[in-house]
Amino acid sequence: MYQRPGYDPDNNDWFWARYLPDGSLDKNAEGIALAGRVAKADPPGGCIACHTAAPGGDLVF
C-alpha cells in the first residue's frame, strides 16, 4: 500500500494492493484485481476493515 494525496480521504489516502508470492496482483473470486479501494464495502471487509484495527490510527501495522 502507498499513500496518494486526495485518493481516499476516508481511509488516510491509502492505495491498497494485495500481491501473490510471485509478485502478481491477487484477485477475488470474481477475478477482480485486489488493488485500489480494496474491500470498500458495506459491511466493511478485507484490507481496509482489517487495517482499521492497527494502533495509532494510521492503518499501518
C-alpha atoms as a PDB file:
ATOM      1  CA  MET A   1       0.000   0.000   0.000  1.00  0.00           C
ATOM      2  CA  TYR A   2       1.066   3.569  -0.563  1.00  0.00           C
ATOM      3  CA  GLN A   3      -0.453   6.986   0.084  1.00  0.00           C
ATOM      4  CA  ARG A   4      -1.800   9.131  -2.750  1.00  0.00           C
ATOM      5  CA  PRO A   5      -2.906  12.596  -1.563  1.00  0.00           C
ATOM      6  CA  GLY A   6      -6.621  13.107  -2.220  1.00  0.00           C
ATOM      7  CA  TYR A   7      -7.173   9.499  -3.334  1.00  0.00           C
ATOM      8  CA  ASP A   8      -9.347   8.226  -0.471  1.00  0.00           C
ATOM      9  CA  PRO A   9      -9.549  10.702   2.438  1.00  0.00           C
ATOM     10  CA  ASP A  10     -11.874   8.396   4.414  1.00  0.00           C
ATOM     11  CA  ASN A  11      -9.016   5.887   4.650  1.00  0.00           C
ATOM     12  CA  ASN A  12      -5.975   8.178   5.029  1.00  0.00           C
ATOM     13  CA  ASP A  13      -5.465   8.265   1.234  1.00  0.00           C
ATOM     14  CA  TRP A  14      -4.004   4.762   1.116  1.00  0.00           C
ATOM     15  CA  PHE A  15      -3.941   2.894  -2.194  1.00  0.00           C
ATOM     16  CA  TRP A  16      -4.272  -0.806  -1.372  1.00  0.00           C
ATOM     17  CA  ALA A  17      -2.880  -3.800  -3.222  1.00  0.00           C
ATOM     18  CA  ARG A  18      -2.562  -7.469  -2.396  1.00  0.00           C
ATOM     19  CA  TYR A  19       0.215  -9.431  -4.065  1.00  0.00           C
ATOM     20  CA  LEU A  20       0.909 -13.114  -4.516  1.00  0.00           C
ATOM     21  CA  PRO A  21       4.345 -14.596  -3.729  1.00  0.00           C
ATOM     22  CA  ASP A  22       5.318 -14.336  -7.420  1.00  0.00           C
ATOM     23  CA  GLY A  23       4.679 -10.563  -7.368  1.00  0.00           C
ATOM     24  CA  SER A  24       1.461 -10.618  -9.393  1.00  0.00           C
ATOM     25  CA  LEU A  25      -1.712  -8.985  -8.109  1.00  0.00           C
ATOM     26  CA  ASP A  26      -4.091 -11.241  -6.245  1.00  0.00           C
ATOM     27  CA  LYS A  27      -7.716 -11.435  -7.449  1.00  0.00           C
ATOM     28  CA  ASN A  28     -11.012 -12.039  -5.701  1.00  0.00           C
ATOM     29  CA  ALA A  29     -13.406 -14.880  -6.543  1.00  0.00           C
ATOM     30  CA  GLU A  30     -14.908 -12.805  -9.383  1.00  0.00           C
ATOM     31  CA  GLY A  31     -11.472 -12.295 -10.966  1.00  0.00           C
ATOM     32  CA  ILE A  32     -11.169  -8.621  -9.989  1.00  0.00           C
ATOM     33  CA  ALA A  33      -7.644  -7.496  -9.068  1.00  0.00           C
ATOM     34  CA  LEU A  34      -7.275  -6.607  -5.394  1.00  0.00           C
ATOM     35  CA  ALA A  35      -5.861  -3.122  -5.886  1.00  0.00           C
ATOM     36  CA  GLY A  36      -7.201   0.360  -5.239  1.00  0.00           C
ATOM     37  CA  ARG A  37     -10.010   0.874  -2.765  1.00  0.00           C
ATOM     38  CA  VAL A  38      -9.893  -2.800  -1.828  1.00  0.00           C
ATOM     39  CA  ALA A  39     -12.909  -4.064   0.091  1.00  0.00           C
ATOM     40  CA  LYS A  40     -14.654  -0.724   0.434  1.00  0.00           C
ATOM     41  CA  ALA A  41     -17.989  -2.385   1.008  1.00  0.00           C
ATOM     42  CA  ASP A  42     -20.969  -2.464   3.310  1.00  0.00           C
ATOM     43  CA  PRO A  43     -20.448  -4.216   5.613  1.00  0.00           C
ATOM     44  CA  PRO A  44     -16.713  -3.461   5.617  1.00  0.00           C
ATOM     45  CA  GLY A  45     -14.353  -6.352   4.988  1.00  0.00           C
ATOM     46  CA  GLY A  46     -10.936  -7.172   3.630  1.00  0.00           C
ATOM     47  CA  CYS A  47      -7.891  -4.909   3.713  1.00  0.00           C
ATOM     48  CA  ILE A  48      -9.442  -1.663   4.941  1.00  0.00           C
ATOM     49  CA  ALA A  49     -11.532  -3.333   7.648  1.00  0.00           C
ATOM     50  CA  CYS A  50      -8.529  -5.242   8.991  1.00  0.00           C
ATOM     51  CA  HIS A  51      -6.160  -2.262   8.922  1.00  0.00           C
ATOM     52  CA  THR A  52      -8.568  -0.038  10.877  1.00  0.00           C
ATOM     53  CA  ALA A  53      -7.576  -2.158  13.900  1.00  0.00           C
ATOM     54  CA  ALA A  54      -3.926  -1.053  13.598  1.00  0.00           C
ATOM     55  CA  PRO A  55      -2.714   1.043  16.539  1.00  0.00           C
ATOM     56  CA  GLY A  56      -2.050   4.745  16.042  1.00  0.00           C
ATOM     57  CA  GLY A  57      -4.882   5.473  13.593  1.00  0.00           C
ATOM     58  CA  ASP A  58      -2.606   5.398  10.521  1.00  0.00           C
ATOM     59  CA  LEU A  59      -3.880   1.991   9.278  1.00  0.00           C
ATOM     60  CA  VAL A  60      -0.320   0.582   9.364  1.00  0.00           C
ATOM     61  CA  PHE A  61       0.612  -2.441  11.491  1.00  0.00           C
END
